[in-house]
Protein backbone atom coordinates (compact mmCIF):
# COMPACT_ATOMS: atom_id res chain seq x y z
CA MET A 1 4.57 3.77 -8.53
CA SER A 2 5.59 1.60 -11.45
CA GLY A 3 5.55 -2.04 -12.36
CA VAL A 4 2.94 -4.58 -11.43
CA ASN A 5 0.88 -4.02 -8.29
CA TYR A 6 -0.30 -7.39 -6.92
CA VAL A 7 -3.53 -7.17 -4.95
CA THR A 8 -6.43 -9.28 -3.78
CA LYS A 9 -9.80 -8.93 -5.51
CA GLU A 10 -11.20 -7.25 -2.40
CA THR A 11 -8.46 -4.61 -2.43
CA LEU A 12 -8.96 -3.91 -6.13
CA ASP A 13 -12.70 -3.46 -5.53
CA ALA A 14 -11.98 -1.10 -2.63
CA MET A 15 -9.56 0.91 -4.78
CA ARG A 16 -12.18 1.25 -7.54
CA GLU A 17 -14.80 2.35 -5.02
CA GLU A 18 -12.44 4.95 -3.55
CA LEU A 19 -11.65 6.26 -7.04
CA THR A 20 -15.35 6.63 -7.84
CA GLN A 21 -15.83 8.46 -4.55
CA LEU A 22 -12.93 10.83 -5.28
CA LYS A 23 -14.13 11.57 -8.81
CA THR A 24 -17.73 12.26 -7.84
CA LYS A 25 -18.29 13.55 -4.30
CA GLY A 26 -14.69 14.63 -3.76
CA ARG A 27 -14.52 16.77 -6.89
CA ALA A 28 -17.97 18.25 -6.19
CA GLU A 29 -16.92 19.29 -2.67
CA ILE A 30 -13.75 20.94 -3.93
CA ALA A 31 -15.62 22.75 -6.71
CA ARG A 32 -18.09 24.04 -4.10
CA ALA A 33 -15.22 25.25 -1.87
CA ILE A 34 -13.57 27.06 -4.79
CA SER A 35 -16.87 28.66 -5.78
CA GLU A 36 -17.55 29.86 -2.23
CA ALA A 37 -14.03 31.28 -1.92
CA ARG A 38 -14.31 33.00 -5.31
CA GLU A 39 -17.45 34.80 -4.15
CA LYS A 40 -15.54 36.41 -1.28
CA GLY A 41 -13.82 38.94 -3.48
CA ASP A 42 -10.35 39.69 -4.80
CA LEU A 43 -8.62 36.42 -5.70
CA LYS A 44 -5.12 37.91 -5.30
CA GLU A 45 -5.50 38.27 -1.55
CA ASN A 46 -7.96 35.45 -0.90
CA ALA A 47 -6.32 32.79 1.27
CA GLU A 48 -9.44 30.60 1.18
CA TYR A 49 -9.31 30.53 -2.62
CA ASP A 50 -5.61 29.65 -2.59
CA ALA A 51 -6.22 26.85 -0.07
CA ALA A 52 -9.13 25.47 -2.10
CA LYS A 53 -7.06 25.49 -5.31
CA GLU A 54 -4.20 23.73 -3.50
CA ALA A 55 -6.64 21.13 -2.14
CA GLN A 56 -7.88 20.62 -5.70
CA GLY A 57 -4.34 19.94 -6.92
CA LEU A 58 -3.70 17.44 -4.13
CA HIS A 59 -7.05 15.77 -4.80
CA GLU A 60 -6.29 15.38 -8.53
CA ALA A 61 -2.84 13.98 -7.70
CA LYS A 62 -4.45 11.40 -5.42
CA ILE A 63 -6.84 10.43 -8.23
CA ALA A 64 -3.92 10.03 -10.65
CA ILE A 65 -2.00 7.81 -8.20
CA LEU A 66 -5.06 5.65 -7.61
CA GLU A 67 -5.76 5.36 -11.34
CA ASN A 68 -2.17 4.22 -11.90
CA ALA A 69 -2.41 1.68 -9.08
CA ILE A 70 -5.61 0.25 -10.58
CA ALA A 71 -4.12 0.20 -14.09
CA THR A 72 -1.09 -1.77 -12.92
CA ALA A 73 -3.04 -4.03 -10.55
CA ARG A 74 -2.95 -7.78 -11.01
CA VAL A 75 -5.32 -9.86 -8.93
CA VAL A 76 -3.70 -12.79 -7.16
CA GLU A 77 -5.95 -15.67 -6.12
CA ALA A 78 -5.11 -17.62 -2.95
CA ASP A 79 -5.32 -21.00 -4.71
CA SER A 80 -2.64 -20.00 -7.22
CA ILE A 81 0.01 -19.25 -4.58
CA ASP A 82 3.04 -21.54 -4.32
CA THR A 83 3.74 -22.10 -0.60
CA SER A 84 7.07 -23.84 -1.17
CA LYS A 85 8.69 -20.40 -1.00
CA VAL A 86 7.74 -16.96 0.29
CA SER A 87 5.74 -14.92 -2.22
CA ILE A 88 3.08 -12.24 -2.23
CA LEU A 89 -0.04 -13.08 -0.17
CA CYS A 90 1.80 -15.84 1.73
CA LYS A 91 1.67 -15.86 5.50
CA VAL A 92 5.15 -16.51 6.78
CA THR A 93 6.17 -17.30 10.34
CA ILE A 94 9.69 -16.14 11.08
CA THR A 95 11.98 -16.15 14.09
CA ASN A 96 14.30 -13.24 14.78
CA LEU A 97 17.61 -14.98 15.47
CA ALA A 98 18.86 -12.12 17.64
CA ASN A 99 16.06 -12.14 20.23
CA LYS A 100 14.34 -15.49 19.40
CA LYS A 101 10.96 -13.78 18.95
CA THR A 102 8.58 -15.42 16.51
CA VAL A 103 6.11 -13.42 14.43
CA THR A 104 3.78 -14.14 11.50
CA TYR A 105 3.39 -11.69 8.62
CA GLN A 106 1.38 -11.74 5.45
CA LEU A 107 3.21 -10.24 2.49
CA VAL A 108 0.94 -7.87 0.58
CA SER A 109 1.12 -4.93 -1.82
CA GLU A 110 2.02 -1.45 -0.57
CA LYS A 111 -1.65 -0.46 -0.76
CA GLU A 112 -2.71 -3.29 1.60
CA ALA A 113 0.14 -3.06 4.12
CA ASP A 114 -1.00 -2.66 7.73
CA LEU A 115 1.42 -3.70 10.46
CA LYS A 116 -1.33 -3.80 13.10
CA GLN A 117 -3.01 -6.56 11.07
CA GLY A 118 0.30 -8.35 10.48
CA LYS A 119 0.44 -7.32 6.82
CA ILE A 120 3.76 -6.04 5.51
CA SER A 121 4.58 -4.75 2.05
CA VAL A 122 6.64 -6.86 -0.32
CA THR A 123 8.60 -3.67 -1.01
CA SER A 124 9.54 -3.15 2.65
CA PRO A 125 13.05 -4.22 3.72
CA ILE A 126 11.71 -7.30 5.56
CA GLY A 127 9.31 -8.15 2.74
CA LYS A 128 12.06 -7.93 0.12
CA GLY A 129 14.40 -10.01 2.26
CA LEU A 130 11.84 -12.79 2.75
CA LEU A 131 10.69 -13.12 -0.87
CA GLY A 132 11.81 -16.37 -2.49
CA LYS A 133 13.05 -17.96 0.76
CA LYS A 134 12.01 -21.50 1.73
CA VAL A 135 11.20 -23.06 5.10
CA GLY A 136 14.41 -23.53 7.11
CA GLU A 137 16.34 -20.85 5.22
CA GLU A 138 17.72 -17.74 6.85
CA ALA A 139 17.12 -14.24 5.56
CA ASP A 140 19.69 -11.50 6.12
CA ILE A 141 17.83 -8.19 6.00
CA LYS A 142 19.31 -4.73 5.86
CA ALA A 143 16.78 -2.55 7.67
CA PRO A 144 17.06 1.16 8.52
CA ASN A 145 17.78 0.26 12.15
CA GLY A 146 20.53 -2.21 11.24
CA ASP A 147 21.03 -5.72 9.92
CA MET A 148 18.57 -8.39 11.02
CA LYS A 149 18.57 -12.15 10.61
CA PHE A 150 15.41 -14.22 10.42
CA LYS A 151 14.76 -17.95 10.07
CA ILE A 152 11.75 -19.03 7.97
CA ASP A 153 9.67 -21.38 10.14
CA HIS A 154 6.42 -21.84 8.23
CA ILE A 155 4.71 -20.68 5.01
CA THR A 156 0.93 -20.82 4.42
CA VAL A 157 -1.72 -19.05 2.38
């Protein structure tokens, strides 16, 4: 992940809490698993030891990714958002011109994206296609399942 990672203050706090958790309890649990596996004998033929070491590598990679996300995070406040065009943290109501279905999405960072909550990433095909559009404009979006066309109906915070 590179570049700026726009997040809400709540998300940044949650990321910091998760990082603390991973560095303290998470590392302690993995160290305990490695120690227990090491006590079981020959390390060359010890599948438990190999699995614990692999888990440690994955855990450290997750910590590194989270540290990078926090380092590149920029908090965006709701009162600083320009609703004249679609931008991060905006809620945008769009109509699919092919099937006339209307849906509202909030554009968020990759870390906050959750389709069930109506939050889509600004780096997703739809998110990218909507950025910078104004009410009344149409967005042509190239999605993995084909081209889509949306009309921007409403933008709020």
